[in-house]
Structure formats: structure tokens, C-alpha cells
């Protein structure tokens, strides 16, 4: 129960940060990505601020024997850049550029009561299910 409460608080804080920084506003994101047109570089400050907190925090936390609320760290060990990674990154970037939502802000924007985030999240879930159906190993 304590883990679920902590996850809820962390998720709410993350969603609040996305709203305050306007990352959940697709028009703001598209203007940030449109470097040849109506470019709005203000989201760069959000990203630099996030990196400024994350990089030192990860270095400090990973020096611990285990996370606060788990028996061990689960850090990916793969570092190969393969075809799947390139295609996945390309699809993510194309989708983000077309609609202005990536997964976190799309889920956050569900609370705004708009139709577009519902469609985006439904499409994400469909993509997850299609990946599972076509690409995960059959047992």
C-alpha cells in the first residue's frame, strides 16, 4: 500500500510539473519542435532543468546498495543501437512532432477533458497491444 501511495504522489507531482511547464500543451510542444517556423525555445529550459536535477540525482542514488522501496536496482544493461531502436525512436519522434504529445503529457492531458488526448492514449494502448501480438516471443 505504501508503494502505491508513493507512486501516486510521484505521478501527481510529475503531471503537475508537465502542466506547469506547458509540456502537456501540444501547441507549445509543436512550436518548440518547429525550428524552421514559429520556434519557441522556452521548453529547452524545462529540459535543461530536468537534466540538471536528474544527472546528479542518478549518480547519488546509484551509489546506494538498493533503492529506497525495492530490493535491488533494475538498470538496463543494453547499449546496442539496432534497427528496432532506430525505428522506435523514429516513430516516437514522428508521432510527437505530428500531434505534440508524448506518453507522459498525453496521460496528463486526459484530466483536461479534451477528446484528442483520449484518442492519443487509445492509440498508444493499441500500439502496445500490436507490439505484444506481433513482436514478443510466443511462449
C-alpha atoms as a PDB file:
ATOM      1  CA  UNK A   1       0.000   0.000   0.000  1.00  0.00           C
ATOM      2  CA  UNK A   2       2.846   2.376   0.846  1.00  0.00           C
ATOM      3  CA  UNK A   3       4.397   1.764  -2.598  1.00  0.00           C
ATOM      4  CA  UNK A   4       1.122   2.585  -4.353  1.00  0.00           C
ATOM      5  CA  UNK A   5       0.718   5.793  -2.370  1.00  0.00           C
ATOM      6  CA  UNK A   6       4.281   6.813  -3.180  1.00  0.00           C
ATOM      7  CA  UNK A   7       3.691   6.043  -6.879  1.00  0.00           C
ATOM      8  CA  UNK A   8       0.508   8.138  -6.807  1.00  0.00           C
ATOM      9  CA  UNK A   9       2.313  11.103  -5.214  1.00  0.00           C
ATOM     10  CA  UNK A  10       5.248  10.825  -7.650  1.00  0.00           C
ATOM     11  CA  UNK A  11       2.895  10.569 -10.641  1.00  0.00           C
ATOM     12  CA  UNK A  12       0.831  13.543  -9.472  1.00  0.00           C
ATOM     13  CA  UNK A  13       3.978  15.610  -8.959  1.00  0.00           C
ATOM     14  CA  UNK A  14       5.244  14.634 -12.416  1.00  0.00           C
ATOM     15  CA  UNK A  15       1.877  15.508 -14.003  1.00  0.00           C
ATOM     16  CA  UNK A  16       1.823  18.845 -12.187  1.00  0.00           C
ATOM     17  CA  UNK A  17       5.311  19.581 -13.488  1.00  0.00           C
ATOM     18  CA  UNK A  18       4.199  18.751 -17.036  1.00  0.00           C
ATOM     19  CA  UNK A  19       1.264  21.156 -16.701  1.00  0.00           C
ATOM     20  CA  UNK A  20       3.255  23.984 -15.113  1.00  0.00           C
ATOM     21  CA  UNK A  21       5.991  23.669 -17.753  1.00  0.00           C
ATOM     22  CA  UNK A  22       3.318  23.530 -20.514  1.00  0.00           C
ATOM     23  CA  UNK A  23       4.686  20.196 -21.814  1.00  0.00           C
ATOM     24  CA  UNK A  24       1.069  18.957 -21.809  1.00  0.00           C
ATOM     25  CA  UNK A  25       0.109  21.701 -24.297  1.00  0.00           C
ATOM     26  CA  UNK A  26       0.577  20.238 -27.789  1.00  0.00           C
ATOM     27  CA  UNK A  27       0.692  23.684 -29.444  1.00  0.00           C
ATOM     28  CA  UNK A  28       3.599  24.692 -27.188  1.00  0.00           C
ATOM     29  CA  UNK A  29       5.447  21.439 -27.959  1.00  0.00           C
ATOM     30  CA  UNK A  30       4.902  21.715 -31.713  1.00  0.00           C
ATOM     31  CA  UNK A  31       6.197  25.305 -31.653  1.00  0.00           C
ATOM     32  CA  UNK A  32       9.272  24.064 -29.787  1.00  0.00           C
ATOM     33  CA  UNK A  33       9.871  21.376 -32.408  1.00  0.00           C
ATOM     34  CA  UNK A  34       9.286  23.780 -35.343  1.00  0.00           C
ATOM     35  CA  UNK A  35      12.804  25.238 -35.556  1.00  0.00           C
ATOM     36  CA  UNK A  36      12.251  26.460 -39.134  1.00  0.00           C
ATOM     37  CA  UNK A  37       8.976  28.230 -38.386  1.00  0.00           C
ATOM     38  CA  UNK A  38       7.401  29.696 -35.257  1.00  0.00           C
ATOM     39  CA  UNK A  39      10.111  28.319 -32.943  1.00  0.00           C
ATOM     40  CA  UNK A  40       9.572  28.669 -29.189  1.00  0.00           C
ATOM     41  CA  UNK A  41      12.772  27.663 -27.343  1.00  0.00           C
ATOM     42  CA  UNK A  42      11.263  28.009 -23.852  1.00  0.00           C
ATOM     43  CA  UNK A  43      10.813  24.248 -23.380  1.00  0.00           C
ATOM     44  CA  UNK A  44      14.588  23.910 -23.659  1.00  0.00           C
ATOM     45  CA  UNK A  45      14.770  25.453 -20.171  1.00  0.00           C
ATOM     46  CA  UNK A  46      12.443  22.707 -18.913  1.00  0.00           C
ATOM     47  CA  UNK A  47      14.663  20.016 -20.405  1.00  0.00           C
ATOM     48  CA  UNK A  48      17.887  21.572 -19.115  1.00  0.00           C
ATOM     49  CA  UNK A  49      16.315  21.924 -15.663  1.00  0.00           C
ATOM     50  CA  UNK A  50      15.218  18.283 -15.698  1.00  0.00           C
ATOM     51  CA  UNK A  51      18.709  17.136 -16.704  1.00  0.00           C
ATOM     52  CA  UNK A  52      20.247  19.401 -14.079  1.00  0.00           C
ATOM     53  CA  UNK A  53      18.301  17.564 -11.382  1.00  0.00           C
ATOM     54  CA  UNK A  54      18.337  14.049 -12.865  1.00  0.00           C
ATOM     55  CA  UNK A  55      22.040  13.619 -13.655  1.00  0.00           C
ATOM     56  CA  UNK A  56      23.370  14.390 -10.155  1.00  0.00           C
ATOM     57  CA  UNK A  57      20.439  12.578  -8.505  1.00  0.00           C
ATOM     58  CA  UNK A  58      21.069   9.388 -10.506  1.00  0.00           C
ATOM     59  CA  UNK A  59      24.777   9.479  -9.672  1.00  0.00           C
ATOM     60  CA  UNK A  60      23.978   9.875  -5.974  1.00  0.00           C
ATOM     61  CA  UNK A  61      21.174   7.285  -5.871  1.00  0.00           C
ATOM     62  CA  UNK A  62      23.043   4.621  -7.859  1.00  0.00           C
ATOM     63  CA  UNK A  63      25.837   4.700  -5.238  1.00  0.00           C
ATOM     64  CA  UNK A  64      23.351   3.146  -2.791  1.00  0.00           C
ATOM     65  CA  UNK A  65      23.109  -0.616  -2.387  1.00  0.00           C
ATOM     66  CA  UNK A  66      19.408  -0.631  -3.306  1.00  0.00           C
ATOM     67  CA  UNK A  67      16.566   1.803  -3.987  1.00  0.00           C
ATOM     68  CA  UNK A  68      14.518   3.051  -1.042  1.00  0.00           C
ATOM     69  CA  UNK A  69      11.458   0.956  -1.881  1.00  0.00           C
ATOM     70  CA  UNK A  70      12.811  -2.054  -3.809  1.00  0.00           C
ATOM     71  CA  UNK A  71      15.257  -4.881  -3.073  1.00  0.00           C
ATOM     72  CA  UNK A  72      17.564  -4.007  -5.992  1.00  0.00           C
ATOM     73  CA  UNK A  73      18.114  -1.625  -8.879  1.00  0.00           C
ATOM     74  CA  UNK A  74      16.767  -2.637 -12.270  1.00  0.00           C
ATOM     75  CA  UNK A  75      19.043  -0.695 -14.615  1.00  0.00           C
ATOM     76  CA  UNK A  76      19.082  -1.704 -18.299  1.00  0.00           C
ATOM     77  CA  UNK A  77      22.436  -3.070 -19.372  1.00  0.00           C
ATOM     78  CA  UNK A  78      21.949  -2.993 -23.153  1.00  0.00           C
ATOM     79  CA  UNK A  79      23.758  -0.330 -25.109  1.00  0.00           C
ATOM     80  CA  UNK A  80      23.353  -1.619 -28.665  1.00  0.00           C
ATOM     81  CA  UNK A  81      21.879   0.701 -31.251  1.00  0.00           C
ATOM     82  CA  UNK A  82      19.971  -1.672 -33.500  1.00  0.00           C
ATOM     83  CA  UNK A  83      17.259  -1.470 -36.153  1.00  0.00           C
ATOM     84  CA  UNK A  84      14.440  -1.788 -33.595  1.00  0.00           C
ATOM     85  CA  UNK A  85      15.783   1.113 -31.570  1.00  0.00           C
ATOM     86  CA  UNK A  86      16.166   3.331 -34.653  1.00  0.00           C
ATOM     87  CA  UNK A  87      12.648   2.532 -35.935  1.00  0.00           C
ATOM     88  CA  UNK A  88      11.132   3.001 -32.485  1.00  0.00           C
ATOM     89  CA  UNK A  89      12.854   6.352 -31.988  1.00  0.00           C
ATOM     90  CA  UNK A  90      11.805   7.474 -35.469  1.00  0.00           C
ATOM     91  CA  UNK A  91       8.157   6.501 -34.881  1.00  0.00           C
ATOM     92  CA  UNK A  92       8.181   8.222 -31.497  1.00  0.00           C
ATOM     93  CA  UNK A  93       9.657  11.411 -32.978  1.00  0.00           C
ATOM     94  CA  UNK A  94       7.280  11.461 -35.930  1.00  0.00           C
ATOM     95  CA  UNK A  95       4.267  10.959 -33.680  1.00  0.00           C
ATOM     96  CA  UNK A  96       5.461  13.569 -31.192  1.00  0.00           C
ATOM     97  CA  UNK A  97       6.051  16.077 -33.979  1.00  0.00           C
ATOM     98  CA  UNK A  98       2.690  15.401 -35.640  1.00  0.00           C
ATOM     99  CA  UNK A  99       0.452  15.686 -32.583  1.00  0.00           C
ATOM    100  CA  UNK A 100       2.561  17.359 -29.881  1.00  0.00           C
ATOM    101  CA  UNK A 101       2.022  14.640 -27.287  1.00  0.00           C
ATOM    102  CA  UNK A 102       4.438  12.070 -25.952  1.00  0.00           C
ATOM    103  CA  UNK A 103       3.138   9.437 -23.485  1.00  0.00           C
ATOM    104  CA  UNK A 104       3.502  11.292 -20.166  1.00  0.00           C
ATOM    105  CA  UNK A 105       1.900  14.552 -21.288  1.00  0.00           C
ATOM    106  CA  UNK A 106      -0.831  12.655 -23.180  1.00  0.00           C
ATOM    107  CA  UNK A 107      -1.845  10.835 -19.987  1.00  0.00           C
ATOM    108  CA  UNK A 108      -1.614  14.092 -18.027  1.00  0.00           C
ATOM    109  CA  UNK A 109      -3.815  15.858 -20.607  1.00  0.00           C
ATOM    110  CA  UNK A 110      -6.589  13.297 -20.036  1.00  0.00           C
ATOM    111  CA  UNK A 111      -7.503  15.406 -16.998  1.00  0.00           C
ATOM    112  CA  UNK A 112      -8.259  18.412 -19.213  1.00  0.00           C
ATOM    113  CA  UNK A 113     -11.428  16.767 -20.533  1.00  0.00           C
ATOM    114  CA  UNK A 114     -10.403  17.035 -24.197  1.00  0.00           C
ATOM    115  CA  UNK A 115     -11.018  14.394 -26.867  1.00  0.00           C
ATOM    116  CA  UNK A 116      -7.568  14.459 -28.504  1.00  0.00           C
ATOM    117  CA  UNK A 117      -5.652  13.048 -25.508  1.00  0.00           C
ATOM    118  CA  UNK A 118      -8.197  10.222 -25.248  1.00  0.00           C
ATOM    119  CA  UNK A 119      -7.546   9.320 -28.890  1.00  0.00           C
ATOM    120  CA  UNK A 120      -3.765   9.539 -28.374  1.00  0.00           C
ATOM    121  CA  UNK A 121      -3.813   7.320 -25.275  1.00  0.00           C
ATOM    122  CA  UNK A 122      -6.130   4.818 -27.003  1.00  0.00           C
ATOM    123  CA  UNK A 123      -3.718   4.717 -29.960  1.00  0.00           C
ATOM    124  CA  UNK A 124      -0.792   4.172 -27.559  1.00  0.00           C
ATOM    125  CA  UNK A 125      -2.592   1.246 -25.943  1.00  0.00           C
ATOM    126  CA  UNK A 126      -3.378  -0.183 -29.385  1.00  0.00           C
ATOM    127  CA  UNK A 127       0.308   0.163 -30.283  1.00  0.00           C
ATOM    128  CA  UNK A 128       1.340  -1.645 -27.094  1.00  0.00           C
ATOM    129  CA  UNK A 129      -1.075  -4.467 -27.888  1.00  0.00           C
ATOM    130  CA  UNK A 130       0.075  -4.681 -31.530  1.00  0.00           C
ATOM    131  CA  UNK A 131       3.696  -4.872 -30.397  1.00  0.00           C
ATOM    132  CA  UNK A 132       2.863  -7.649 -27.971  1.00  0.00           C
ATOM    133  CA  UNK A 133       0.937  -9.539 -30.652  1.00  0.00           C
ATOM    134  CA  UNK A 134       3.499  -9.233 -33.460  1.00  0.00           C
ATOM    135  CA  UNK A 135       6.910  -8.829 -31.839  1.00  0.00           C
ATOM    136  CA  UNK A 136       7.049 -10.524 -28.451  1.00  0.00           C
ATOM    137  CA  UNK A 137       8.148 -14.142 -28.354  1.00  0.00           C
ATOM    138  CA  UNK A 138       5.374 -16.689 -28.165  1.00  0.00           C
ATOM    139  CA  UNK A 139       5.658 -18.956 -25.140  1.00  0.00           C
END
